[in-house]
Amino acid sequence: MSVILFGFLSGILSGMGVGGGMILIPALTLLCGTSQHTAQTVNLFYFIPTALTALVIHIRHKNVAVKPALKMAAAGLVFALAGAWLASAVSDQWLRRAFGIFIVIFGIREIYGGFRQG
C-alpha cells in the first residue's frame, strides 16, 4: 500500500512540474531497500510517461514557451548523457550522499523563495 501512496504523491508532484523523484527516490531506497542507482533508474523510467502527460496538458493550456523549451531540452539531453555516465562511475554511497545534499539545497532554496514572495 505504501508503494501506491508514494506513486500517487510522486505523480501529483510530477504533474505540477516539481519532480516526483523527490518522493520516489527516498521511498524506494528507504522503504523498499533498493540501491541508489536502481532507485534513480526507476525514477528516470517513471519520469518519461509522467513528464509527457504533464507536458501535453501544459501545452494545451499554452503554458509552454516552445523555443526556449526546445533549447533547454537539447542542452538537457547532452548533459543527461554526461550525468548518466558520471552516476554510473561513482559508488552507490557517494550517489546517495550527493542526492541527499541536492534535496537539502533544493529545500532551503524553496523555503527561502517562499519567504521572499510571502
N, C-alpha and C. Protein backbone atom coordinates (compact mmCIF):
# COMPACT_ATOMS: atom_id res chain seq x y z
N MET A 1 0.82 -1.19 0.00
CA MET A 1 0.00 0.00 0.00
C MET A 1 0.86 1.26 0.00
N SER A 2 1.98 1.23 0.72
CA SER A 2 2.83 2.42 0.77
C SER A 2 3.43 2.74 -0.60
N VAL A 3 3.71 1.71 -1.41
CA VAL A 3 4.25 1.94 -2.75
C VAL A 3 3.23 2.70 -3.59
N ILE A 4 1.95 2.34 -3.47
CA ILE A 4 0.89 3.04 -4.21
C ILE A 4 0.78 4.48 -3.73
N LEU A 5 0.84 4.70 -2.43
CA LEU A 5 0.75 6.05 -1.88
C LEU A 5 1.90 6.92 -2.39
N PHE A 6 3.11 6.39 -2.36
CA PHE A 6 4.25 7.17 -2.83
C PHE A 6 4.20 7.38 -4.34
N GLY A 7 3.68 6.41 -5.08
CA GLY A 7 3.47 6.60 -6.51
C GLY A 7 2.46 7.71 -6.78
N PHE A 8 1.40 7.75 -5.97
CA PHE A 8 0.39 8.80 -6.09
C PHE A 8 1.00 10.17 -5.81
N LEU A 9 1.71 10.31 -4.70
CA LEU A 9 2.34 11.59 -4.35
C LEU A 9 3.36 12.03 -5.40
N SER A 10 4.14 11.08 -5.87
CA SER A 10 5.14 11.36 -6.88
C SER A 10 4.48 11.80 -8.18
N GLY A 11 3.38 11.17 -8.55
CA GLY A 11 2.64 11.55 -9.76
C GLY A 11 2.07 12.95 -9.66
N ILE A 12 1.53 13.30 -8.51
CA ILE A 12 0.99 14.65 -8.30
C ILE A 12 2.11 15.68 -8.47
N LEU A 13 3.24 15.44 -7.83
CA LEU A 13 4.36 16.38 -7.94
C LEU A 13 4.89 16.46 -9.37
N SER A 14 4.95 15.33 -10.06
CA SER A 14 5.40 15.32 -11.45
C SER A 14 4.48 16.15 -12.33
N GLY A 15 3.19 16.00 -12.12
CA GLY A 15 2.22 16.76 -12.90
C GLY A 15 2.31 18.25 -12.66
N MET A 16 2.74 18.63 -11.47
CA MET A 16 2.89 20.05 -11.15
C MET A 16 4.22 20.60 -11.67
N GLY A 17 5.09 19.73 -12.15
CA GLY A 17 6.37 20.19 -12.67
C GLY A 17 7.46 20.29 -11.62
N VAL A 18 7.18 19.80 -10.42
CA VAL A 18 8.15 19.89 -9.33
C VAL A 18 9.18 18.78 -9.43
N GLY A 19 8.75 17.61 -9.79
CA GLY A 19 9.64 16.46 -9.88
C GLY A 19 9.29 15.43 -8.84
N GLY A 20 8.76 14.34 -9.28
CA GLY A 20 8.34 13.28 -8.37
C GLY A 20 9.49 12.52 -7.74
N GLY A 21 10.70 12.69 -8.28
CA GLY A 21 11.86 11.98 -7.74
C GLY A 21 12.18 12.36 -6.32
N MET A 22 11.75 13.53 -5.89
CA MET A 22 11.99 13.96 -4.51
C MET A 22 11.25 13.05 -3.53
N ILE A 23 10.17 12.45 -3.98
CA ILE A 23 9.41 11.50 -3.16
C ILE A 23 9.79 10.07 -3.51
N LEU A 24 9.86 9.80 -4.81
CA LEU A 24 10.04 8.43 -5.29
C LEU A 24 11.39 7.83 -4.89
N ILE A 25 12.46 8.56 -5.07
CA ILE A 25 13.80 8.01 -4.79
C ILE A 25 13.98 7.69 -3.30
N PRO A 26 13.67 8.62 -2.39
CA PRO A 26 13.79 8.24 -0.97
C PRO A 26 12.86 7.08 -0.59
N ALA A 27 11.66 7.05 -1.16
CA ALA A 27 10.74 5.95 -0.85
C ALA A 27 11.33 4.62 -1.29
N LEU A 28 11.90 4.59 -2.48
CA LEU A 28 12.48 3.34 -2.98
C LEU A 28 13.69 2.91 -2.17
N THR A 29 14.54 3.85 -1.79
CA THR A 29 15.76 3.48 -1.06
C THR A 29 15.47 3.18 0.41
N LEU A 30 14.64 4.00 1.05
CA LEU A 30 14.42 3.83 2.49
C LEU A 30 13.35 2.79 2.81
N LEU A 31 12.28 2.75 2.04
CA LEU A 31 11.18 1.83 2.35
C LEU A 31 11.29 0.48 1.64
N CYS A 32 11.80 0.52 0.41
CA CYS A 32 11.86 -0.72 -0.37
C CYS A 32 13.25 -1.35 -0.38
N GLY A 33 14.25 -0.63 0.12
CA GLY A 33 15.59 -1.18 0.22
C GLY A 33 16.35 -1.30 -1.09
N THR A 34 15.93 -0.56 -2.12
CA THR A 34 16.66 -0.63 -3.39
C THR A 34 17.93 0.22 -3.30
N SER A 35 18.87 -0.08 -4.16
CA SER A 35 20.10 0.71 -4.19
C SER A 35 19.80 2.08 -4.78
N GLN A 36 20.68 3.03 -4.52
CA GLN A 36 20.50 4.39 -5.05
C GLN A 36 20.50 4.38 -6.57
N HIS A 37 21.41 3.61 -7.17
CA HIS A 37 21.46 3.53 -8.63
C HIS A 37 20.14 3.00 -9.19
N THR A 38 19.60 1.95 -8.59
CA THR A 38 18.34 1.38 -9.06
C THR A 38 17.19 2.36 -8.86
N ALA A 39 17.15 3.02 -7.71
CA ALA A 39 16.08 3.99 -7.44
C ALA A 39 16.11 5.13 -8.45
N GLN A 40 17.27 5.63 -8.76
CA GLN A 40 17.37 6.72 -9.72
C GLN A 40 17.02 6.25 -11.13
N THR A 41 17.34 5.01 -11.45
CA THR A 41 16.98 4.47 -12.75
C THR A 41 15.47 4.29 -12.85
N VAL A 42 14.84 3.76 -11.80
CA VAL A 42 13.39 3.63 -11.78
C VAL A 42 12.74 5.00 -11.91
N ASN A 43 13.29 5.99 -11.22
CA ASN A 43 12.75 7.34 -11.31
C ASN A 43 12.81 7.88 -12.74
N LEU A 44 13.90 7.63 -13.42
CA LEU A 44 14.01 8.09 -14.81
C LEU A 44 12.99 7.38 -15.70
N PHE A 45 12.81 6.09 -15.49
CA PHE A 45 11.82 5.33 -16.27
C PHE A 45 10.41 5.83 -15.97
N TYR A 46 10.15 6.12 -14.72
CA TYR A 46 8.86 6.64 -14.27
C TYR A 46 8.62 8.04 -14.82
N PHE A 47 9.68 8.81 -14.94
CA PHE A 47 9.59 10.21 -15.36
C PHE A 47 9.07 10.37 -16.77
N ILE A 48 9.42 9.47 -17.68
CA ILE A 48 9.07 9.63 -19.09
C ILE A 48 7.56 9.75 -19.30
N PRO A 49 6.74 8.77 -18.89
CA PRO A 49 5.30 8.93 -19.15
C PRO A 49 4.66 10.06 -18.35
N THR A 50 5.11 10.27 -17.12
CA THR A 50 4.50 11.34 -16.31
C THR A 50 4.85 12.71 -16.89
N ALA A 51 6.10 12.89 -17.32
CA ALA A 51 6.50 14.16 -17.91
C ALA A 51 5.79 14.42 -19.22
N LEU A 52 5.66 13.40 -20.06
CA LEU A 52 4.96 13.58 -21.34
C LEU A 52 3.49 13.93 -21.12
N THR A 53 2.86 13.28 -20.16
CA THR A 53 1.46 13.58 -19.85
C THR A 53 1.31 15.02 -19.39
N ALA A 54 2.15 15.44 -18.44
CA ALA A 54 2.09 16.81 -17.94
C ALA A 54 2.41 17.81 -19.05
N LEU A 55 3.37 17.49 -19.90
CA LEU A 55 3.74 18.38 -20.99
C LEU A 55 2.58 18.62 -21.94
N VAL A 56 1.88 17.57 -22.31
CA VAL A 56 0.72 17.71 -23.21
C VAL A 56 -0.33 18.64 -22.59
N ILE A 57 -0.61 18.44 -21.33
CA ILE A 57 -1.61 19.28 -20.65
C ILE A 57 -1.15 20.73 -20.59
N HIS A 58 0.11 20.96 -20.26
CA HIS A 58 0.62 22.33 -20.18
C HIS A 58 0.68 22.99 -21.55
N ILE A 59 0.98 22.24 -22.59
CA ILE A 59 0.96 22.80 -23.95
C ILE A 59 -0.47 23.18 -24.32
N ARG A 60 -1.44 22.34 -24.02
CA ARG A 60 -2.85 22.66 -24.31
C ARG A 60 -3.31 23.93 -23.61
N HIS A 61 -2.76 24.18 -22.43
CA HIS A 61 -3.12 25.40 -21.69
C HIS A 61 -2.21 26.58 -22.04
N LYS A 62 -1.38 26.39 -23.06
CA LYS A 62 -0.47 27.44 -23.54
C LYS A 62 0.47 27.95 -22.44
N ASN A 63 0.97 27.02 -21.64
CA ASN A 63 1.90 27.35 -20.56
C ASN A 63 3.35 27.06 -20.92
N VAL A 64 3.61 26.75 -22.19
CA VAL A 64 4.96 26.37 -22.60
C VAL A 64 5.47 27.34 -23.66
N ALA A 65 6.61 27.95 -23.40
CA ALA A 65 7.31 28.76 -24.41
C ALA A 65 8.16 27.78 -25.22
N VAL A 66 7.71 27.47 -26.42
CA VAL A 66 8.27 26.35 -27.18
C VAL A 66 9.74 26.56 -27.53
N LYS A 67 10.14 27.72 -28.06
CA LYS A 67 11.54 27.91 -28.48
C LYS A 67 12.51 27.75 -27.31
N PRO A 68 12.32 28.44 -26.20
CA PRO A 68 13.25 28.21 -25.08
C PRO A 68 13.21 26.78 -24.55
N ALA A 69 12.01 26.17 -24.57
CA ALA A 69 11.89 24.79 -24.08
C ALA A 69 12.69 23.84 -24.94
N LEU A 70 12.66 24.02 -26.26
CA LEU A 70 13.43 23.16 -27.15
C LEU A 70 14.93 23.32 -26.93
N LYS A 71 15.38 24.56 -26.72
CA LYS A 71 16.81 24.80 -26.44
C LYS A 71 17.22 24.13 -25.13
N MET A 72 16.37 24.28 -24.12
CA MET A 72 16.68 23.67 -22.83
C MET A 72 16.66 22.15 -22.93
N ALA A 73 15.72 21.60 -23.71
CA ALA A 73 15.65 20.15 -23.87
C ALA A 73 16.89 19.62 -24.56
N ALA A 74 17.38 20.34 -25.57
CA ALA A 74 18.60 19.90 -26.28
C ALA A 74 19.79 19.90 -25.32
N ALA A 75 19.93 20.96 -24.55
CA ALA A 75 21.02 21.02 -23.57
C ALA A 75 20.84 19.94 -22.52
N GLY A 76 19.59 19.72 -22.09
CA GLY A 76 19.31 18.69 -21.10
C GLY A 76 19.68 17.30 -21.57
N LEU A 77 19.44 17.02 -22.84
CA LEU A 77 19.82 15.70 -23.37
C LEU A 77 21.32 15.50 -23.34
N VAL A 78 22.06 16.52 -23.75
CA VAL A 78 23.53 16.42 -23.75
C VAL A 78 24.04 16.19 -22.33
N PHE A 79 23.56 16.99 -21.39
CA PHE A 79 24.06 16.86 -20.02
C PHE A 79 23.48 15.65 -19.30
N ALA A 80 22.33 15.14 -19.76
CA ALA A 80 21.81 13.89 -19.19
C ALA A 80 22.76 12.74 -19.51
N LEU A 81 23.31 12.75 -20.72
CA LEU A 81 24.30 11.72 -21.07
C LEU A 81 25.52 11.81 -20.15
N ALA A 82 25.99 13.04 -19.94
CA ALA A 82 27.15 13.24 -19.07
C ALA A 82 26.81 12.83 -17.63
N GLY A 83 25.62 13.20 -17.16
CA GLY A 83 25.21 12.84 -15.80
C GLY A 83 25.05 11.35 -15.61
N ALA A 84 24.48 10.68 -16.62
CA ALA A 84 24.31 9.22 -16.54
C ALA A 84 25.67 8.53 -16.50
N TRP A 85 26.59 9.01 -17.30
CA TRP A 85 27.94 8.45 -17.30
C TRP A 85 28.58 8.65 -15.93
N LEU A 86 28.46 9.87 -15.38
CA LEU A 86 29.05 10.16 -14.07
C LEU A 86 28.41 9.31 -12.98
N ALA A 87 27.08 9.21 -12.99
CA ALA A 87 26.39 8.43 -11.96
C ALA A 87 26.78 6.96 -12.00
N SER A 88 27.00 6.43 -13.19
CA SER A 88 27.39 5.02 -13.29
C SER A 88 28.83 4.79 -12.87
N ALA A 89 29.61 5.86 -12.81
CA ALA A 89 31.03 5.72 -12.48
C ALA A 89 31.31 5.87 -10.98
N VAL A 90 30.32 6.31 -10.19
CA VAL A 90 30.55 6.53 -8.77
C VAL A 90 29.86 5.44 -7.95
N SER A 91 30.25 5.34 -6.70
CA SER A 91 29.67 4.33 -5.81
C SER A 91 28.24 4.69 -5.42
N ASP A 92 27.50 3.69 -5.02
CA ASP A 92 26.13 3.89 -4.57
C ASP A 92 26.08 4.83 -3.37
N GLN A 93 27.03 4.67 -2.46
CA GLN A 93 27.07 5.50 -1.26
C GLN A 93 27.32 6.97 -1.62
N TRP A 94 28.24 7.23 -2.53
CA TRP A 94 28.52 8.60 -2.95
C TRP A 94 27.31 9.20 -3.64
N LEU A 95 26.64 8.43 -4.49
CA LEU A 95 25.46 8.90 -5.21
C LEU A 95 24.34 9.23 -4.24
N ARG A 96 24.16 8.42 -3.22
CA ARG A 96 23.13 8.67 -2.20
C ARG A 96 23.42 9.97 -1.45
N ARG A 97 24.66 10.19 -1.08
CA ARG A 97 25.03 11.43 -0.39
C ARG A 97 24.82 12.65 -1.28
N ALA A 98 25.23 12.55 -2.53
CA ALA A 98 25.07 13.66 -3.46
C ALA A 98 23.59 14.00 -3.65
N PHE A 99 22.74 12.97 -3.75
CA PHE A 99 21.31 13.21 -3.89
C PHE A 99 20.75 13.85 -2.63
N GLY A 100 21.18 13.40 -1.46
CA GLY A 100 20.74 13.99 -0.20
C GLY A 100 21.12 15.45 -0.10
N ILE A 101 22.34 15.78 -0.49
CA ILE A 101 22.78 17.18 -0.47
C ILE A 101 21.93 18.01 -1.42
N PHE A 102 21.64 17.46 -2.60
CA PHE A 102 20.80 18.15 -3.57
C PHE A 102 19.42 18.44 -2.98
N ILE A 103 18.82 17.47 -2.31
CA ILE A 103 17.50 17.67 -1.71
C ILE A 103 17.55 18.77 -0.65
N VAL A 104 18.57 18.77 0.18
CA VAL A 104 18.70 19.79 1.22
C VAL A 104 18.84 21.18 0.59
N ILE A 105 19.72 21.31 -0.40
CA ILE A 105 19.91 22.60 -1.06
C ILE A 105 18.61 23.06 -1.73
N PHE A 106 17.93 22.15 -2.41
CA PHE A 106 16.67 22.48 -3.07
C PHE A 106 15.63 22.93 -2.04
N GLY A 107 15.55 22.22 -0.92
CA GLY A 107 14.60 22.57 0.13
C GLY A 107 14.87 23.94 0.71
N ILE A 108 16.12 24.25 1.00
CA ILE A 108 16.49 25.56 1.54
C ILE A 108 16.13 26.66 0.54
N ARG A 109 16.42 26.39 -0.72
CA ARG A 109 16.10 27.37 -1.77
C ARG A 109 14.59 27.62 -1.85
N GLU A 110 13.80 26.56 -1.76
CA GLU A 110 12.35 26.71 -1.84
C GLU A 110 11.80 27.45 -0.61
N ILE A 111 12.33 27.14 0.57
CA ILE A 111 11.88 27.83 1.78
C ILE A 111 12.25 29.30 1.71
N TYR A 112 13.47 29.60 1.31
CA TYR A 112 13.92 30.98 1.20
C TYR A 112 13.07 31.73 0.16
N GLY A 113 12.79 31.10 -0.98
CA GLY A 113 11.96 31.72 -2.01
C GLY A 113 10.55 31.98 -1.52
N GLY A 114 10.02 31.09 -0.69
CA GLY A 114 8.69 31.28 -0.13
C GLY A 114 8.63 32.47 0.79
N PHE A 115 9.68 32.70 1.58
CA PHE A 115 9.70 33.86 2.46
C PHE A 115 9.83 35.15 1.67
N ARG A 116 10.59 35.13 0.58
CA ARG A 116 10.75 36.33 -0.25
C ARG A 116 9.44 36.72 -0.92
N GLN A 117 8.64 35.74 -1.32
CA GLN A 117 7.38 36.02 -2.01
C GLN A 117 6.24 36.35 -1.04
N GLY A 118 6.29 35.76 0.14
CA GLY A 118 5.18 35.85 1.07
C GLY A 118 5.24 37.02 1.95
